[in-house]
Amino acid sequence: MTHLYVLARGIKPVLDTWVNNLLSRFYPMAWKDKHGNNTMYNAQLAVRPIQLYEIVFPKTATNEVLSLIKPGRGNKRPREKKYLSWIRRIMGLDPMPDEWDDIPKSDMINREGLGIMGIGMKEDKSDENGNELL
């Protein structure tokens, strides 16, 4: 399979229509079984958005939010570690602490078919009384 990466921008309903039109496309693809026999299939064009989200919440809810989202840390591949480090530096983020791996995953939100990678976090500034400035 070939992977093409593009940046697309536009009004959301127009982008949604564009994505739906792409998803309606199928292309022939040969697949060899374990005996070497070719079988032809129709492979659907896969459109997989890669999106950056900023999720803002009170500091006191950190464990609950991390349990809901349960982001991976991208530390399994050296290339991921390098790029995530660059992104963190550009955005002024701290890496996700190792102890967050031990937070149990909540089943309140369906994450089936999703890859969620944590990039990092940063704290908002506080006022003189210690109140978070969201």
N, C-alpha and C. Protein backbone atom coordinates (compact mmCIF):
# COMPACT_ATOMS: atom_id res chain seq x y z
N MET A 1 0.84 -1.18 0.00
CA MET A 1 0.00 0.00 0.00
C MET A 1 0.89 1.24 0.00
N THR A 2 0.43 2.27 -0.64
CA THR A 2 1.12 3.55 -0.68
C THR A 2 0.36 4.54 0.19
N HIS A 3 1.11 5.36 0.92
CA HIS A 3 0.51 6.36 1.80
C HIS A 3 0.81 7.75 1.26
N LEU A 4 -0.22 8.53 0.99
CA LEU A 4 -0.09 9.90 0.52
C LEU A 4 -0.55 10.81 1.64
N TYR A 5 0.27 11.78 2.02
CA TYR A 5 -0.07 12.74 3.07
C TYR A 5 -0.32 14.10 2.43
N VAL A 6 -1.45 14.70 2.75
CA VAL A 6 -1.80 16.02 2.23
C VAL A 6 -2.36 16.87 3.36
N LEU A 7 -2.25 18.18 3.20
CA LEU A 7 -2.93 19.11 4.08
C LEU A 7 -4.14 19.63 3.33
N ALA A 8 -5.30 19.58 3.96
CA ALA A 8 -6.52 20.07 3.32
C ALA A 8 -7.18 21.07 4.26
N ARG A 9 -7.72 22.11 3.68
CA ARG A 9 -8.40 23.09 4.51
C ARG A 9 -9.61 23.59 3.76
N GLY A 10 -10.65 23.92 4.49
CA GLY A 10 -11.88 24.40 3.87
C GLY A 10 -13.00 24.38 4.88
N ILE A 11 -14.16 24.76 4.43
CA ILE A 11 -15.34 24.75 5.29
C ILE A 11 -15.67 23.30 5.61
N LYS A 12 -15.96 23.01 6.88
CA LYS A 12 -16.14 21.63 7.34
C LYS A 12 -17.10 20.81 6.50
N PRO A 13 -18.30 21.31 6.16
CA PRO A 13 -19.19 20.48 5.33
C PRO A 13 -18.60 20.14 3.96
N VAL A 14 -17.84 21.04 3.39
CA VAL A 14 -17.22 20.78 2.09
C VAL A 14 -16.11 19.74 2.25
N LEU A 15 -15.33 19.86 3.31
CA LEU A 15 -14.29 18.86 3.58
C LEU A 15 -14.92 17.48 3.83
N ASP A 16 -16.02 17.46 4.59
CA ASP A 16 -16.69 16.19 4.87
C ASP A 16 -17.18 15.54 3.58
N THR A 17 -17.73 16.33 2.66
CA THR A 17 -18.19 15.81 1.38
C THR A 17 -17.01 15.26 0.57
N TRP A 18 -15.90 15.99 0.58
CA TRP A 18 -14.69 15.56 -0.12
C TRP A 18 -14.22 14.20 0.42
N VAL A 19 -14.17 14.08 1.76
CA VAL A 19 -13.74 12.82 2.38
C VAL A 19 -14.72 11.70 2.01
N ASN A 20 -16.02 11.96 2.10
CA ASN A 20 -17.01 10.94 1.75
C ASN A 20 -16.89 10.50 0.29
N ASN A 21 -16.61 11.45 -0.60
CA ASN A 21 -16.42 11.10 -2.00
C ASN A 21 -15.19 10.23 -2.19
N LEU A 22 -14.12 10.54 -1.46
CA LEU A 22 -12.92 9.70 -1.53
C LEU A 22 -13.19 8.30 -1.01
N LEU A 23 -13.95 8.21 0.09
CA LEU A 23 -14.25 6.91 0.69
C LEU A 23 -15.12 6.03 -0.21
N SER A 24 -15.75 6.63 -1.20
CA SER A 24 -16.60 5.85 -2.10
C SER A 24 -15.80 5.17 -3.22
N ARG A 25 -14.50 5.39 -3.26
CA ARG A 25 -13.65 4.84 -4.33
C ARG A 25 -13.05 3.50 -3.92
N PHE A 26 -13.06 2.55 -4.86
CA PHE A 26 -12.46 1.24 -4.65
C PHE A 26 -11.50 0.96 -5.80
N TYR A 27 -10.40 0.26 -5.50
CA TYR A 27 -9.38 -0.03 -6.50
C TYR A 27 -9.01 -1.50 -6.43
N PRO A 28 -8.77 -2.13 -7.61
CA PRO A 28 -8.41 -3.55 -7.62
C PRO A 28 -7.04 -3.77 -6.95
N MET A 29 -6.96 -4.87 -6.23
CA MET A 29 -5.71 -5.19 -5.54
C MET A 29 -5.55 -6.72 -5.51
N ALA A 30 -4.38 -7.17 -5.88
CA ALA A 30 -4.08 -8.61 -5.85
C ALA A 30 -3.54 -8.98 -4.47
N TRP A 31 -3.94 -10.17 -4.02
CA TRP A 31 -3.48 -10.66 -2.73
C TRP A 31 -3.06 -12.11 -2.91
N LYS A 32 -1.82 -12.43 -2.51
CA LYS A 32 -1.33 -13.80 -2.62
C LYS A 32 -1.63 -14.55 -1.33
N ASP A 33 -2.22 -15.72 -1.46
CA ASP A 33 -2.45 -16.54 -0.27
C ASP A 33 -1.17 -17.31 0.06
N LYS A 34 -1.21 -18.13 1.08
CA LYS A 34 0.00 -18.84 1.52
C LYS A 34 0.48 -19.88 0.51
N HIS A 35 -0.36 -20.20 -0.48
CA HIS A 35 0.03 -21.14 -1.53
C HIS A 35 0.54 -20.43 -2.77
N GLY A 36 0.58 -19.10 -2.75
CA GLY A 36 1.07 -18.33 -3.89
C GLY A 36 0.02 -18.01 -4.92
N ASN A 37 -1.24 -18.34 -4.63
CA ASN A 37 -2.33 -18.06 -5.58
C ASN A 37 -2.78 -16.60 -5.42
N ASN A 38 -2.96 -15.93 -6.55
CA ASN A 38 -3.44 -14.54 -6.54
C ASN A 38 -4.96 -14.51 -6.48
N THR A 39 -5.48 -13.67 -5.62
CA THR A 39 -6.91 -13.39 -5.56
C THR A 39 -7.07 -11.89 -5.70
N MET A 40 -8.04 -11.49 -6.51
CA MET A 40 -8.28 -10.06 -6.70
C MET A 40 -9.35 -9.57 -5.73
N TYR A 41 -9.08 -8.46 -5.11
CA TYR A 41 -10.02 -7.81 -4.19
C TYR A 41 -10.22 -6.37 -4.64
N ASN A 42 -11.27 -5.76 -4.14
CA ASN A 42 -11.47 -4.33 -4.30
C ASN A 42 -11.12 -3.67 -2.97
N ALA A 43 -10.09 -2.85 -2.97
CA ALA A 43 -9.65 -2.17 -1.75
C ALA A 43 -10.25 -0.77 -1.73
N GLN A 44 -10.91 -0.45 -0.63
CA GLN A 44 -11.49 0.88 -0.48
C GLN A 44 -10.38 1.88 -0.19
N LEU A 45 -10.47 3.05 -0.82
CA LEU A 45 -9.53 4.12 -0.53
C LEU A 45 -9.70 4.50 0.94
N ALA A 46 -8.64 4.45 1.71
CA ALA A 46 -8.72 4.76 3.14
C ALA A 46 -8.31 6.22 3.36
N VAL A 47 -9.18 6.96 3.99
CA VAL A 47 -8.90 8.35 4.34
C VAL A 47 -8.83 8.40 5.86
N ARG A 48 -7.63 8.62 6.39
CA ARG A 48 -7.42 8.59 7.83
C ARG A 48 -6.89 9.93 8.29
N PRO A 49 -7.75 10.78 8.87
CA PRO A 49 -7.28 12.09 9.32
C PRO A 49 -6.24 11.96 10.42
N ILE A 50 -5.27 12.83 10.37
CA ILE A 50 -4.31 12.98 11.46
C ILE A 50 -4.58 14.37 12.00
N GLN A 51 -5.09 14.44 13.21
CA GLN A 51 -5.52 15.72 13.75
C GLN A 51 -4.84 16.00 15.08
N LEU A 52 -4.55 17.25 15.30
CA LEU A 52 -3.96 17.70 16.55
C LEU A 52 -5.07 18.30 17.40
N TYR A 53 -5.23 17.81 18.60
CA TYR A 53 -6.23 18.32 19.52
C TYR A 53 -5.55 18.89 20.76
N GLU A 54 -6.04 20.02 21.22
CA GLU A 54 -5.65 20.55 22.53
C GLU A 54 -6.83 20.31 23.44
N ILE A 55 -6.63 19.55 24.49
CA ILE A 55 -7.69 19.22 25.42
C ILE A 55 -7.37 19.95 26.73
N VAL A 56 -8.26 20.83 27.13
CA VAL A 56 -8.03 21.69 28.29
C VAL A 56 -8.95 21.26 29.42
N PHE A 57 -8.39 21.08 30.61
CA PHE A 57 -9.16 20.61 31.76
C PHE A 57 -8.49 21.09 33.04
N PRO A 58 -9.23 21.12 34.17
CA PRO A 58 -8.62 21.51 35.44
C PRO A 58 -7.54 20.51 35.86
N LYS A 59 -6.50 21.00 36.47
CA LYS A 59 -5.37 20.16 36.90
C LYS A 59 -5.84 19.02 37.81
N THR A 60 -6.86 19.29 38.62
CA THR A 60 -7.35 18.27 39.55
C THR A 60 -8.00 17.08 38.84
N ALA A 61 -8.34 17.23 37.56
CA ALA A 61 -8.99 16.15 36.80
C ALA A 61 -8.00 15.39 35.93
N THR A 62 -6.70 15.59 36.13
CA THR A 62 -5.69 15.00 35.25
C THR A 62 -5.83 13.49 35.13
N ASN A 63 -5.89 12.76 36.24
CA ASN A 63 -5.95 11.30 36.17
C ASN A 63 -7.23 10.82 35.50
N GLU A 64 -8.35 11.49 35.77
CA GLU A 64 -9.61 11.09 35.15
C GLU A 64 -9.58 11.30 33.64
N VAL A 65 -9.06 12.45 33.21
CA VAL A 65 -9.00 12.75 31.78
C VAL A 65 -8.03 11.80 31.08
N LEU A 66 -6.88 11.55 31.68
CA LEU A 66 -5.92 10.62 31.07
C LEU A 66 -6.49 9.21 30.99
N SER A 67 -7.32 8.84 31.96
CA SER A 67 -7.97 7.54 31.93
C SER A 67 -8.97 7.46 30.77
N LEU A 68 -9.68 8.56 30.52
CA LEU A 68 -10.64 8.59 29.40
C LEU A 68 -9.93 8.51 28.05
N ILE A 69 -8.85 9.26 27.91
CA ILE A 69 -8.17 9.37 26.62
C ILE A 69 -7.13 8.28 26.45
N LYS A 70 -6.42 7.95 27.52
CA LYS A 70 -5.36 6.94 27.57
C LYS A 70 -4.44 7.02 26.35
N PRO A 71 -3.74 8.17 26.22
CA PRO A 71 -2.86 8.32 25.06
C PRO A 71 -1.61 7.46 25.15
N GLY A 72 -1.17 6.95 24.00
CA GLY A 72 0.12 6.29 23.94
C GLY A 72 1.20 7.35 23.97
N ARG A 73 2.44 6.95 24.23
CA ARG A 73 3.50 7.94 24.36
C ARG A 73 4.47 7.93 23.19
N GLY A 74 4.30 7.04 22.23
CA GLY A 74 5.16 7.04 21.05
C GLY A 74 6.62 6.74 21.34
N ASN A 75 6.88 5.96 22.37
CA ASN A 75 8.27 5.68 22.74
C ASN A 75 8.79 4.36 22.21
N LYS A 76 8.02 3.70 21.35
CA LYS A 76 8.43 2.38 20.89
C LYS A 76 9.36 2.44 19.68
N ARG A 77 9.28 3.49 18.90
CA ARG A 77 10.11 3.61 17.70
C ARG A 77 11.00 4.84 17.83
N PRO A 78 12.29 4.70 17.53
CA PRO A 78 13.20 5.86 17.64
C PRO A 78 12.75 7.05 16.81
N ARG A 79 12.20 6.79 15.63
CA ARG A 79 11.76 7.89 14.77
C ARG A 79 10.63 8.67 15.44
N GLU A 80 9.67 7.95 16.07
CA GLU A 80 8.58 8.63 16.77
C GLU A 80 9.12 9.47 17.92
N LYS A 81 10.07 8.92 18.67
CA LYS A 81 10.64 9.66 19.79
C LYS A 81 11.27 10.96 19.31
N LYS A 82 11.99 10.90 18.19
CA LYS A 82 12.68 12.08 17.67
C LYS A 82 11.67 13.15 17.26
N TYR A 83 10.66 12.76 16.48
CA TYR A 83 9.68 13.74 16.00
C TYR A 83 8.83 14.30 17.14
N LEU A 84 8.45 13.45 18.07
CA LEU A 84 7.67 13.94 19.21
C LEU A 84 8.49 14.92 20.05
N SER A 85 9.77 14.66 20.17
CA SER A 85 10.64 15.58 20.90
C SER A 85 10.68 16.95 20.21
N TRP A 86 10.78 16.94 18.89
CA TRP A 86 10.78 18.20 18.13
C TRP A 86 9.46 18.95 18.32
N ILE A 87 8.35 18.24 18.20
CA ILE A 87 7.04 18.86 18.34
C ILE A 87 6.89 19.46 19.74
N ARG A 88 7.31 18.70 20.76
CA ARG A 88 7.24 19.21 22.14
C ARG A 88 8.04 20.50 22.29
N ARG A 89 9.23 20.50 21.72
CA ARG A 89 10.08 21.70 21.82
C ARG A 89 9.41 22.90 21.14
N ILE A 90 8.88 22.69 19.96
CA ILE A 90 8.23 23.77 19.21
C ILE A 90 7.03 24.31 19.97
N MET A 91 6.26 23.42 20.60
CA MET A 91 5.03 23.83 21.28
C MET A 91 5.24 24.19 22.74
N GLY A 92 6.46 24.01 23.25
CA GLY A 92 6.74 24.33 24.65
C GLY A 92 6.06 23.37 25.62
N LEU A 93 6.04 22.09 25.30
CA LEU A 93 5.36 21.09 26.12
C LEU A 93 6.36 20.25 26.92
N ASP A 94 5.89 19.74 28.05
CA ASP A 94 6.66 18.78 28.84
C ASP A 94 6.29 17.38 28.38
N PRO A 95 7.26 16.43 28.42
CA PRO A 95 6.91 15.05 28.06
C PRO A 95 5.94 14.46 29.08
N MET A 96 5.22 13.45 28.66
CA MET A 96 4.27 12.79 29.55
C MET A 96 5.05 11.89 30.51
N PRO A 97 4.83 12.04 31.82
CA PRO A 97 5.58 11.24 32.81
C PRO A 97 5.29 9.75 32.69
N ASP A 98 6.30 8.94 33.00
CA ASP A 98 6.17 7.48 32.92
C ASP A 98 5.06 6.94 33.81
N GLU A 99 4.84 7.55 34.98
CA GLU A 99 3.84 7.02 35.92
C GLU A 99 2.42 7.07 35.35
N TRP A 100 2.18 7.86 34.32
CA TRP A 100 0.85 7.92 33.72
C TRP A 100 0.51 6.66 32.96
N ASP A 101 1.52 5.85 32.64
CA ASP A 101 1.25 4.56 31.98
C ASP A 101 0.45 3.64 32.90
N ASP A 102 0.56 3.86 34.22
CA ASP A 102 -0.10 2.99 35.20
C ASP A 102 -1.55 3.37 35.46
N ILE A 103 -2.01 4.49 34.91
CA ILE A 103 -3.40 4.90 35.11
C ILE A 103 -4.29 3.94 34.31
N PRO A 104 -5.28 3.32 34.97
CA PRO A 104 -6.12 2.36 34.24
C PRO A 104 -6.97 3.05 33.17
N LYS A 105 -7.23 2.32 32.09
CA LYS A 105 -8.01 2.85 30.97
C LYS A 105 -9.49 2.78 31.31
N SER A 106 -10.19 3.89 31.12
CA SER A 106 -11.64 3.94 31.32
C SER A 106 -12.32 3.39 30.07
N ASP A 107 -13.45 2.70 30.26
CA ASP A 107 -14.20 2.21 29.11
C ASP A 107 -15.43 3.07 28.83
N MET A 108 -15.44 4.29 29.37
CA MET A 108 -16.58 5.19 29.18
C MET A 108 -16.63 5.76 27.77
N ILE A 109 -15.50 5.80 27.07
CA ILE A 109 -15.42 6.35 25.72
C ILE A 109 -14.85 5.28 24.80
N ASN A 110 -15.50 5.06 23.67
CA ASN A 110 -15.06 4.06 22.71
C ASN A 110 -13.83 4.58 21.95
N ARG A 111 -12.75 3.82 21.96
CA ARG A 111 -11.53 4.18 21.23
C ARG A 111 -11.19 3.14 20.17
N GLU A 112 -12.12 2.25 19.87
CA GLU A 112 -11.87 1.19 18.90
C GLU A 112 -11.55 1.78 17.53
N GLY A 113 -10.45 1.33 16.94
CA GLY A 113 -10.05 1.79 15.62
C GLY A 113 -9.31 3.12 15.64
N LEU A 114 -8.97 3.63 16.81
CA LEU A 114 -8.26 4.90 16.92
C LEU A 114 -6.84 4.69 17.41
N GLY A 115 -5.93 5.49 16.93
CA GLY A 115 -4.58 5.56 17.47
C GLY A 115 -4.44 6.93 18.12
N ILE A 116 -4.27 6.97 19.41
CA ILE A 116 -4.18 8.24 20.13
C ILE A 116 -2.81 8.32 20.76
N MET A 117 -2.01 9.26 20.29
CA MET A 117 -0.66 9.42 20.80
C MET A 117 -0.54 10.73 21.57
N GLY A 118 -0.08 10.64 22.79
CA GLY A 118 0.14 11.83 23.60
C GLY A 118 1.44 12.51 23.17
N ILE A 119 1.39 13.79 22.95
CA ILE A 119 2.59 14.54 22.58
C ILE A 119 3.25 15.11 23.83
N GLY A 120 2.47 15.74 24.67
CA GLY A 120 3.00 16.33 25.88
C GLY A 120 1.94 17.19 26.54
N MET A 121 2.33 17.85 27.61
CA MET A 121 1.40 18.68 28.36
C MET A 121 2.11 19.93 28.83
N LYS A 122 1.32 20.94 29.18
CA LYS A 122 1.87 22.11 29.84
C LYS A 122 0.82 22.65 30.79
N GLU A 123 1.29 23.30 31.81
CA GLU A 123 0.41 23.87 32.83
C GLU A 123 0.14 25.33 32.51
N ASP A 124 -1.10 25.76 32.76
CA ASP A 124 -1.41 27.18 32.67
C ASP A 124 -0.76 27.91 33.83
N LYS A 125 -0.59 29.18 33.65
CA LYS A 125 -0.06 30.00 34.74
C LYS A 125 -1.13 30.15 35.81
N SER A 126 -0.69 30.47 37.01
CA SER A 126 -1.60 30.68 38.14
C SER A 126 -1.50 32.12 38.60
N ASP A 127 -2.60 32.59 39.20
CA ASP A 127 -2.56 33.94 39.75
C ASP A 127 -1.89 33.91 41.13
N GLU A 128 -1.84 35.06 41.79
CA GLU A 128 -1.15 35.16 43.09
C GLU A 128 -1.80 34.29 44.17
N ASN A 129 -3.06 33.87 43.96
CA ASN A 129 -3.77 33.03 44.94
C ASN A 129 -3.65 31.55 44.61
N GLY A 130 -2.94 31.22 43.55
CA GLY A 130 -2.78 29.82 43.15
C GLY A 130 -3.90 29.31 42.27
N ASN A 131 -4.78 30.21 41.80
CA ASN A 131 -5.87 29.81 40.92
C ASN A 131 -5.35 29.66 39.49
N GLU A 132 -5.76 28.57 38.84
CA GLU A 132 -5.37 28.35 37.46
C GLU A 132 -6.03 29.38 36.55
N LEU A 133 -5.27 29.91 35.63
CA LEU A 133 -5.78 30.88 34.65
C LEU A 133 -6.05 30.13 33.36
N LEU A 134 -7.25 29.61 33.20
CA LEU A 134 -7.58 28.80 32.01
C LEU A 134 -7.73 29.65 30.80
